């Protein structure tokens, strides 16, 4: 009966094919709400297990800080002692799943996804992405790769791309599919760095450029050196 009351708003034919309303209604039932809540209210209820109590501004802001921190660090099971944000950590898988569900819903909404990062920057600016990457390292698997996290990782990665290209390539390839769709420019820069790393990989494998016979130059070019030219051209085309 309680769930029927909660879902009464969407138990109409015009809502049956609307996946977003169905998800929102089910999530409200899970959170023991009597109405279909909007996203900020849902978020606070997830973190503080509030049912019908009035939410304060401070609770909502704390909920947003927890949302940002746990969205980023969800794959880090045990925060480091030097992590100044560790008090925000949530360890219950059910809540993490709800965070991911909300995040996916937001990112799937064209209007909301355009301002989501800006909102988190303003309302949870003290949870620093750069500080988290500095603390846990660039090769940690983060829950999201927004602009600040990705830029920090790429800036540190360029320091060893020339002498350890295999490590750089592996990291770049792992990040690429997880980038936010809105980071088009960063995606192109990431692809450019992969091309550069491939060039360094080939250059580092060279043992010499002098061969006994002319045909050896042709054979070496066909087998290996043409990849330098190929990746160089691709890198230039990415940045024209």
C-alpha atoms as a PDB file:
ATOM      1  CA  UNK A   1       0.000   0.000   0.000  1.00  0.00           C
ATOM      2  CA  UNK A   2       2.835   2.394   0.878  1.00  0.00           C
ATOM      3  CA  UNK A   3       4.636   1.706  -2.406  1.00  0.00           C
ATOM      4  CA  UNK A   4       1.397   2.203  -4.312  1.00  0.00           C
ATOM      5  CA  UNK A   5       1.054   5.621  -2.713  1.00  0.00           C
ATOM      6  CA  UNK A   6       4.648   6.493  -3.607  1.00  0.00           C
ATOM      7  CA  UNK A   7       4.230   5.327  -7.185  1.00  0.00           C
ATOM      8  CA  UNK A   8       0.770   6.828  -7.681  1.00  0.00           C
ATOM      9  CA  UNK A   9       2.215   9.701  -9.724  1.00  0.00           C
ATOM     10  CA  UNK A  10       3.733   7.378 -12.326  1.00  0.00           C
ATOM     11  CA  UNK A  11       1.069   4.657 -12.346  1.00  0.00           C
ATOM     12  CA  UNK A  12      -0.420   6.230 -15.417  1.00  0.00           C
ATOM     13  CA  UNK A  13      -0.203   5.081 -19.066  1.00  0.00           C
ATOM     14  CA  UNK A  14       1.842   8.110 -20.152  1.00  0.00           C
ATOM     15  CA  UNK A  15       4.680   7.130 -17.755  1.00  0.00           C
ATOM     16  CA  UNK A  16       4.886   3.414 -18.530  1.00  0.00           C
ATOM     17  CA  UNK A  17       7.437   3.842 -21.310  1.00  0.00           C
ATOM     18  CA  UNK A  18       9.507   6.444 -19.478  1.00  0.00           C
ATOM     19  CA  UNK A  19      12.500   4.590 -18.046  1.00  0.00           C
ATOM     20  CA  UNK A  20      13.710   7.570 -16.014  1.00  0.00           C
ATOM     21  CA  UNK A  21      10.433   7.910 -14.114  1.00  0.00           C
ATOM     22  CA  UNK A  22      10.319   4.180 -13.418  1.00  0.00           C
ATOM     23  CA  UNK A  23      13.865   4.245 -11.997  1.00  0.00           C
ATOM     24  CA  UNK A  24      13.093   7.331  -9.944  1.00  0.00           C
ATOM     25  CA  UNK A  25       9.940   5.725  -8.546  1.00  0.00           C
ATOM     26  CA  UNK A  26      11.674   2.468  -7.612  1.00  0.00           C
ATOM     27  CA  UNK A  27      14.539   4.347  -5.965  1.00  0.00           C
ATOM     28  CA  UNK A  28      12.075   6.411  -3.925  1.00  0.00           C
ATOM     29  CA  UNK A  29      10.444   3.169  -2.709  1.00  0.00           C
ATOM     30  CA  UNK A  30      13.832   1.773  -1.708  1.00  0.00           C
ATOM     31  CA  UNK A  31      14.498   4.970   0.259  1.00  0.00           C
ATOM     32  CA  UNK A  32      11.133   4.695   2.039  1.00  0.00           C
ATOM     33  CA  UNK A  33       9.843   7.943   0.594  1.00  0.00           C
ATOM     34  CA  UNK A  34       6.146   8.742   0.323  1.00  0.00           C
ATOM     35  CA  UNK A  35       6.683  10.719  -2.890  1.00  0.00           C
ATOM     36  CA  UNK A  36       8.798  10.603  -6.048  1.00  0.00           C
ATOM     37  CA  UNK A  37      11.812  12.584  -4.847  1.00  0.00           C
ATOM     38  CA  UNK A  38      14.032  14.789  -6.933  1.00  0.00           C
ATOM     39  CA  UNK A  39      17.723  13.872  -7.214  1.00  0.00           C
ATOM     40  CA  UNK A  40      19.236  16.067  -4.433  1.00  0.00           C
ATOM     41  CA  UNK A  41      16.714  14.769  -1.902  1.00  0.00           C
ATOM     42  CA  UNK A  42      17.322  11.163  -2.989  1.00  0.00           C
ATOM     43  CA  UNK A  43      21.043  11.735  -2.610  1.00  0.00           C
ATOM     44  CA  UNK A  44      20.752  12.953   0.965  1.00  0.00           C
ATOM     45  CA  UNK A  45      18.442  10.079   1.918  1.00  0.00           C
ATOM     46  CA  UNK A  46      20.929   7.557   0.560  1.00  0.00           C
ATOM     47  CA  UNK A  47      23.708   8.870   2.784  1.00  0.00           C
ATOM     48  CA  UNK A  48      21.825   9.693   5.969  1.00  0.00           C
ATOM     49  CA  UNK A  49      19.044   7.073   5.895  1.00  0.00           C
ATOM     50  CA  UNK A  50      16.495   9.839   6.375  1.00  0.00           C
ATOM     51  CA  UNK A  51      12.934   8.876   5.635  1.00  0.00           C
ATOM     52  CA  UNK A  52      10.542  11.781   6.164  1.00  0.00           C
ATOM     53  CA  UNK A  53      12.637  14.186   8.237  1.00  0.00           C
ATOM     54  CA  UNK A  54      13.308  17.658   6.893  1.00  0.00           C
ATOM     55  CA  UNK A  55      16.668  18.026   5.173  1.00  0.00           C
ATOM     56  CA  UNK A  56      18.890  20.966   6.059  1.00  0.00           C
ATOM     57  CA  UNK A  57      21.249  22.806   3.729  1.00  0.00           C
ATOM     58  CA  UNK A  58      24.252  21.448   5.616  1.00  0.00           C
ATOM     59  CA  UNK A  59      23.061  17.858   5.212  1.00  0.00           C
ATOM     60  CA  UNK A  60      22.514  18.359   1.506  1.00  0.00           C
ATOM     61  CA  UNK A  61      25.988  19.857   1.038  1.00  0.00           C
ATOM     62  CA  UNK A  62      27.554  17.029   3.020  1.00  0.00           C
ATOM     63  CA  UNK A  63      25.644  14.548   0.878  1.00  0.00           C
ATOM     64  CA  UNK A  64      27.067  16.137  -2.268  1.00  0.00           C
ATOM     65  CA  UNK A  65      30.604  15.945  -0.832  1.00  0.00           C
ATOM     66  CA  UNK A  66      30.082  12.260  -0.010  1.00  0.00           C
ATOM     67  CA  UNK A  67      28.652  11.672  -3.458  1.00  0.00           C
ATOM     68  CA  UNK A  68      31.701  13.201  -5.161  1.00  0.00           C
ATOM     69  CA  UNK A  69      34.272  11.467  -2.947  1.00  0.00           C
ATOM     70  CA  UNK A  70      32.727   8.009  -3.184  1.00  0.00           C
ATOM     71  CA  UNK A  71      32.031   8.301  -6.888  1.00  0.00           C
ATOM     72  CA  UNK A  72      35.752   8.936  -7.409  1.00  0.00           C
ATOM     73  CA  UNK A  73      37.197   6.507  -4.832  1.00  0.00           C
ATOM     74  CA  UNK A  74      34.689   3.653  -4.904  1.00  0.00           C
ATOM     75  CA  UNK A  75      37.361   1.186  -6.067  1.00  0.00           C
ATOM     76  CA  UNK A  76      39.634   2.076  -3.139  1.00  0.00           C
ATOM     77  CA  UNK A  77      38.564  -0.308  -0.390  1.00  0.00           C
ATOM     78  CA  UNK A  78      40.693   1.169   2.384  1.00  0.00           C
ATOM     79  CA  UNK A  79      41.559   4.887   2.423  1.00  0.00           C
ATOM     80  CA  UNK A  80      45.123   5.829   3.283  1.00  0.00           C
ATOM     81  CA  UNK A  81      45.750   7.375   6.713  1.00  0.00           C
ATOM     82  CA  UNK A  82      46.862  10.568   4.984  1.00  0.00           C
ATOM     83  CA  UNK A  83      43.529  10.854   3.143  1.00  0.00           C
ATOM     84  CA  UNK A  84      41.907  13.908   4.703  1.00  0.00           C
ATOM     85  CA  UNK A  85      38.566  12.994   3.123  1.00  0.00           C
ATOM     86  CA  UNK A  86      38.413   9.453   4.517  1.00  0.00           C
ATOM     87  CA  UNK A  87      35.567  10.359   6.905  1.00  0.00           C
ATOM     88  CA  UNK A  88      33.386  10.649   3.821  1.00  0.00           C
ATOM     89  CA  UNK A  89      33.995   7.031   2.824  1.00  0.00           C
ATOM     90  CA  UNK A  90      30.982   4.748   2.330  1.00  0.00           C
ATOM     91  CA  UNK A  91      31.604   0.995   2.473  1.00  0.00           C
ATOM     92  CA  UNK A  92      28.109  -0.371   1.914  1.00  0.00           C
ATOM     93  CA  UNK A  93      27.875  -1.818  -1.635  1.00  0.00           C
ATOM     94  CA  UNK A  94      24.139  -1.064  -1.802  1.00  0.00           C
ATOM     95  CA  UNK A  95      24.756   2.637  -1.335  1.00  0.00           C
ATOM     96  CA  UNK A  96      27.627   2.659  -3.824  1.00  0.00           C
ATOM     97  CA  UNK A  97      25.328   1.019  -6.372  1.00  0.00           C
ATOM     98  CA  UNK A  98      22.751   3.729  -5.760  1.00  0.00           C
ATOM     99  CA  UNK A  99      25.424   6.409  -6.233  1.00  0.00           C
ATOM    100  CA  UNK A 100      26.421   4.850  -9.542  1.00  0.00           C
ATOM    101  CA  UNK A 101      22.785   4.616 -10.592  1.00  0.00           C
ATOM    102  CA  UNK A 102      22.202   8.289  -9.866  1.00  0.00           C
ATOM    103  CA  UNK A 103      25.451   9.276 -11.589  1.00  0.00           C
ATOM    104  CA  UNK A 104      24.548   7.272 -14.685  1.00  0.00           C
ATOM    105  CA  UNK A 105      21.094   8.844 -14.710  1.00  0.00           C
ATOM    106  CA  UNK A 106      22.563  12.333 -14.457  1.00  0.00           C
ATOM    107  CA  UNK A 107      25.166  11.697 -17.139  1.00  0.00           C
ATOM    108  CA  UNK A 108      22.463  10.303 -19.385  1.00  0.00           C
ATOM    109  CA  UNK A 109      20.547  13.581 -19.174  1.00  0.00           C
ATOM    110  CA  UNK A 110      21.985  16.016 -21.714  1.00  0.00           C
ATOM    111  CA  UNK A 111      21.117  19.162 -19.771  1.00  0.00           C
ATOM    112  CA  UNK A 112      22.213  17.878 -16.378  1.00  0.00           C
ATOM    113  CA  UNK A 113      25.458  16.264 -17.583  1.00  0.00           C
ATOM    114  CA  UNK A 114      26.569  19.601 -19.032  1.00  0.00           C
ATOM    115  CA  UNK A 115      26.566  21.246 -15.612  1.00  0.00           C
ATOM    116  CA  UNK A 116      27.199  18.279 -13.283  1.00  0.00           C
ATOM    117  CA  UNK A 117      30.959  18.792 -13.039  1.00  0.00           C
ATOM    118  CA  UNK A 118      30.528  22.522 -12.488  1.00  0.00           C
ATOM    119  CA  UNK A 119      28.022  21.886  -9.698  1.00  0.00           C
ATOM    120  CA  UNK A 120      30.346  19.416  -7.965  1.00  0.00           C
ATOM    121  CA  UNK A 121      33.210  21.901  -8.310  1.00  0.00           C
ATOM    122  CA  UNK A 122      31.214  24.609  -6.601  1.00  0.00           C
ATOM    123  CA  UNK A 123      29.393  22.631  -3.921  1.00  0.00           C
ATOM    124  CA  UNK A 124      32.135  20.093  -3.140  1.00  0.00           C
ATOM    125  CA  UNK A 125      35.211  22.069  -4.095  1.00  0.00           C
ATOM    126  CA  UNK A 126      37.056  21.059  -0.933  1.00  0.00           C
ATOM    127  CA  UNK A 127      37.116  17.453  -2.210  1.00  0.00           C
ATOM    128  CA  UNK A 128      40.067  17.984  -4.549  1.00  0.00           C
ATOM    129  CA  UNK A 129      40.466  15.591  -7.493  1.00  0.00           C
ATOM    130  CA  UNK A 130      44.097  16.645  -7.920  1.00  0.00           C
ATOM    131  CA  UNK A 131      44.838  15.871  -4.280  1.00  0.00           C
ATOM    132  CA  UNK A 132      43.228  12.431  -4.543  1.00  0.00           C
ATOM    133  CA  UNK A 133      45.255  11.555  -7.657  1.00  0.00           C
ATOM    134  CA  UNK A 134      48.423  12.811  -5.971  1.00  0.00           C
ATOM    135  CA  UNK A 135      47.644  10.650  -2.948  1.00  0.00           C
ATOM    136  CA  UNK A 136      46.550   7.405  -4.641  1.00  0.00           C
ATOM    137  CA  UNK A 137      48.579   7.646  -7.833  1.00  0.00           C
ATOM    138  CA  UNK A 138      47.776   7.892 -11.518  1.00  0.00           C
ATOM    139  CA  UNK A 139      47.430   4.134 -12.023  1.00  0.00           C
ATOM    140  CA  UNK A 140      44.653   3.685  -9.477  1.00  0.00           C
ATOM    141  CA  UNK A 141      41.302   2.815 -11.053  1.00  0.00           C
ATOM    142  CA  UNK A 142      39.014   5.736 -10.246  1.00  0.00           C
ATOM    143  CA  UNK A 143      35.241   5.550 -10.364  1.00  0.00           C
ATOM    144  CA  UNK A 144      35.004   8.464 -12.782  1.00  0.00           C
ATOM    145  CA  UNK A 145      37.436  10.288 -15.037  1.00  0.00           C
ATOM    146  CA  UNK A 146      36.253  13.862 -15.171  1.00  0.00           C
ATOM    147  CA  UNK A 147      38.290  16.766 -16.521  1.00  0.00           C
ATOM    148  CA  UNK A 148      40.375  17.478 -13.423  1.00  0.00           C
ATOM    149  CA  UNK A 149      41.244  13.837 -12.711  1.00  0.00           C
ATOM    150  CA  UNK A 150      42.164  13.127 -16.334  1.00  0.00           C
ATOM    151  CA  UNK A 151      44.250  16.286 -16.778  1.00  0.00           C
ATOM    152  CA  UNK A 152      46.176  15.515 -13.576  1.00  0.00           C
ATOM    153  CA  UNK A 153      46.867  11.942 -14.718  1.00  0.00           C
ATOM    154  CA  UNK A 154      47.956  12.967 -18.216  1.00  0.00           C
ATOM    155  CA  UNK A 155      50.235  15.721 -16.922  1.00  0.00           C
ATOM    156  CA  UNK A 156      52.105  13.227 -14.731  1.00  0.00           C
ATOM    157  CA  UNK A 157      52.119  10.510 -17.368  1.00  0.00           C
ATOM    158  CA  UNK A 158      53.971  12.706 -19.861  1.00  0.00           C
ATOM    159  CA  UNK A 159      56.990  12.700 -17.532  1.00  0.00           C
ATOM    160  CA  UNK A 160      57.811   9.081 -18.399  1.00  0.00           C
ATOM    161  CA  UNK A 161      56.141   8.502 -21.765  1.00  0.00           C
ATOM    162  CA  UNK A 162      59.490   8.680 -23.587  1.00  0.00           C
ATOM    163  CA  UNK A 163      61.423   6.117 -21.529  1.00  0.00           C
ATOM    164  CA  UNK A 164      58.540   3.874 -20.404  1.00  0.00           C
ATOM    165  CA  UNK A 165      56.051   3.952 -23.291  1.00  0.00           C
ATOM    166  CA  UNK A 166      54.540   0.517 -22.541  1.00  0.00           C
ATOM    167  CA  UNK A 167      53.433   1.701 -19.118  1.00  0.00           C
ATOM    168  CA  UNK A 168      52.012   4.889 -20.630  1.00  0.00           C
ATOM    169  CA  UNK A 169      50.130   3.022 -23.367  1.00  0.00           C
ATOM    170  CA  UNK A 170      48.559   0.575 -20.902  1.00  0.00           C
ATOM    171  CA  UNK A 171      47.327   3.420 -18.691  1.00  0.00           C
ATOM    172  CA  UNK A 172      46.031   5.518 -21.583  1.00  0.00           C
ATOM    173  CA  UNK A 173      44.121   2.580 -23.069  1.00  0.00           C
ATOM    174  CA  UNK A 174      42.540   1.788 -19.685  1.00  0.00           C
ATOM    175  CA  UNK A 175      41.387   5.390 -19.216  1.00  0.00           C
ATOM    176  CA  UNK A 176      40.079   6.034 -22.723  1.00  0.00           C
ATOM    177  CA  UNK A 177      36.736   4.137 -22.568  1.00  0.00           C
ATOM    178  CA  UNK A 178      35.938   5.620 -19.144  1.00  0.00           C
ATOM    179  CA  UNK A 179      36.194   9.275 -20.131  1.00  0.00           C
ATOM    180  CA  UNK A 180      33.100  11.397 -19.864  1.00  0.00           C
ATOM    181  CA  UNK A 181      31.540  11.923 -23.328  1.00  0.00           C
ATOM    182  CA  UNK A 182      31.769  15.680 -22.794  1.00  0.00           C
ATOM    183  CA  UNK A 183      35.586  15.584 -22.704  1.00  0.00           C
ATOM    184  CA  UNK A 184      36.020  15.545 -26.472  1.00  0.00           C
ATOM    185  CA  UNK A 185      39.174  17.670 -26.501  1.00  0.00           C
ATOM    186  CA  UNK A 186      40.826  15.584 -23.782  1.00  0.00           C
ATOM    187  CA  UNK A 187      39.899  12.384 -25.633  1.00  0.00           C
ATOM    188  CA  UNK A 188      41.715  13.685 -28.718  1.00  0.00           C
ATOM    189  CA  UNK A 189      44.751  14.607 -26.604  1.00  0.00           C
ATOM    190  CA  UNK A 190      44.731  11.135 -25.055  1.00  0.00           C
ATOM    191  CA  UNK A 191      44.709   9.539 -28.521  1.00  0.00           C
ATOM    192  CA  UNK A 192      47.596  11.837 -29.481  1.00  0.00           C
ATOM    193  CA  UNK A 193      49.621  10.658 -26.478  1.00  0.00           C
ATOM    194  CA  UNK A 194      48.999   7.017 -27.431  1.00  0.00           C
ATOM    195  CA  UNK A 195      50.463   7.746 -30.875  1.00  0.00           C
ATOM    196  CA  UNK A 196      53.462   9.458 -29.302  1.00  0.00           C
ATOM    197  CA  UNK A 197      54.006   6.548 -26.918  1.00  0.00           C
ATOM    198  CA  UNK A 198      53.938   4.110 -29.828  1.00  0.00           C
ATOM    199  CA  UNK A 199      56.614   6.157 -31.599  1.00  0.00           C
ATOM    200  CA  UNK A 200      58.826   6.131 -28.501  1.00  0.00           C
ATOM    201  CA  UNK A 201      58.268   2.397 -28.126  1.00  0.00           C
ATOM    202  CA  UNK A 202      59.614   1.738 -31.609  1.00  0.00           C
ATOM    203  CA  UNK A 203      62.485   4.234 -31.286  1.00  0.00           C
ATOM    204  CA  UNK A 204      63.566   2.685 -27.992  1.00  0.00           C
ATOM    205  CA  UNK A 205      63.697  -0.756 -29.611  1.00  0.00           C
ATOM    206  CA  UNK A 206      66.121   0.326 -32.347  1.00  0.00           C
ATOM    207  CA  UNK A 207      69.648  -1.074 -32.112  1.00  0.00           C
ATOM    208  CA  UNK A 208      71.059   0.927 -35.011  1.00  0.00           C
ATOM    209  CA  UNK A 209      70.308   2.664 -38.290  1.00  0.00           C
ATOM    210  CA  UNK A 210      73.222   1.404 -40.341  1.00  0.00           C
ATOM    211  CA  UNK A 211      72.823  -1.840 -42.313  1.00  0.00           C
ATOM    212  CA  UNK A 212      75.038  -3.817 -44.651  1.00  0.00           C
ATOM    213  CA  UNK A 213      72.849  -3.802 -47.751  1.00  0.00           C
ATOM    214  CA  UNK A 214      70.241  -1.460 -49.275  1.00  0.00           C
ATOM    215  CA  UNK A 215      67.580  -4.150 -49.145  1.00  0.00           C
ATOM    216  CA  UNK A 216      68.054  -4.312 -45.365  1.00  0.00           C
ATOM    217  CA  UNK A 217      66.802  -0.732 -45.082  1.00  0.00           C
ATOM    218  CA  UNK A 218      63.683  -1.626 -47.044  1.00  0.00           C
ATOM    219  CA  UNK A 219      63.081  -4.752 -44.979  1.00  0.00           C
ATOM    220  CA  UNK A 220      63.488  -2.874 -41.702  1.00  0.00           C
ATOM    221  CA  UNK A 221      61.180  -0.093 -42.869  1.00  0.00           C
ATOM    222  CA  UNK A 222      58.469  -2.530 -43.956  1.00  0.00           C
ATOM    223  CA  UNK A 223      58.762  -4.545 -40.755  1.00  0.00           C
ATOM    224  CA  UNK A 224      59.178  -1.810 -38.170  1.00  0.00           C
ATOM    225  CA  UNK A 225      60.051   1.768 -39.166  1.00  0.00           C
ATOM    226  CA  UNK A 226      56.873   2.469 -41.161  1.00  0.00           C
ATOM    227  CA  UNK A 227      55.012   2.405 -37.842  1.00  0.00           C
ATOM    228  CA  UNK A 228      56.958   5.497 -36.785  1.00  0.00           C
ATOM    229  CA  UNK A 229      55.772   7.379 -39.867  1.00  0.00           C
ATOM    230  CA  UNK A 230      52.228   6.034 -39.477  1.00  0.00           C
ATOM    231  CA  UNK A 231      51.876   7.085 -35.831  1.00  0.00           C
ATOM    232  CA  UNK A 232      53.560  10.423 -36.477  1.00  0.00           C
ATOM    233  CA  UNK A 233      51.088  11.253 -39.237  1.00  0.00           C
ATOM    234  CA  UNK A 234      48.145  10.134 -37.128  1.00  0.00           C
ATOM    235  CA  UNK A 235      49.369  12.271 -34.240  1.00  0.00           C
ATOM    236  CA  UNK A 236      49.641  15.321 -36.504  1.00  0.00           C
ATOM    237  CA  UNK A 237      46.197  14.757 -38.006  1.00  0.00           C
ATOM    238  CA  UNK A 238      44.701  14.592 -34.498  1.00  0.00           C
ATOM    239  CA  UNK A 239      46.045  18.065 -33.771  1.00  0.00           C
ATOM    240  CA  UNK A 240      45.504  19.905 -37.071  1.00  0.00           C
END
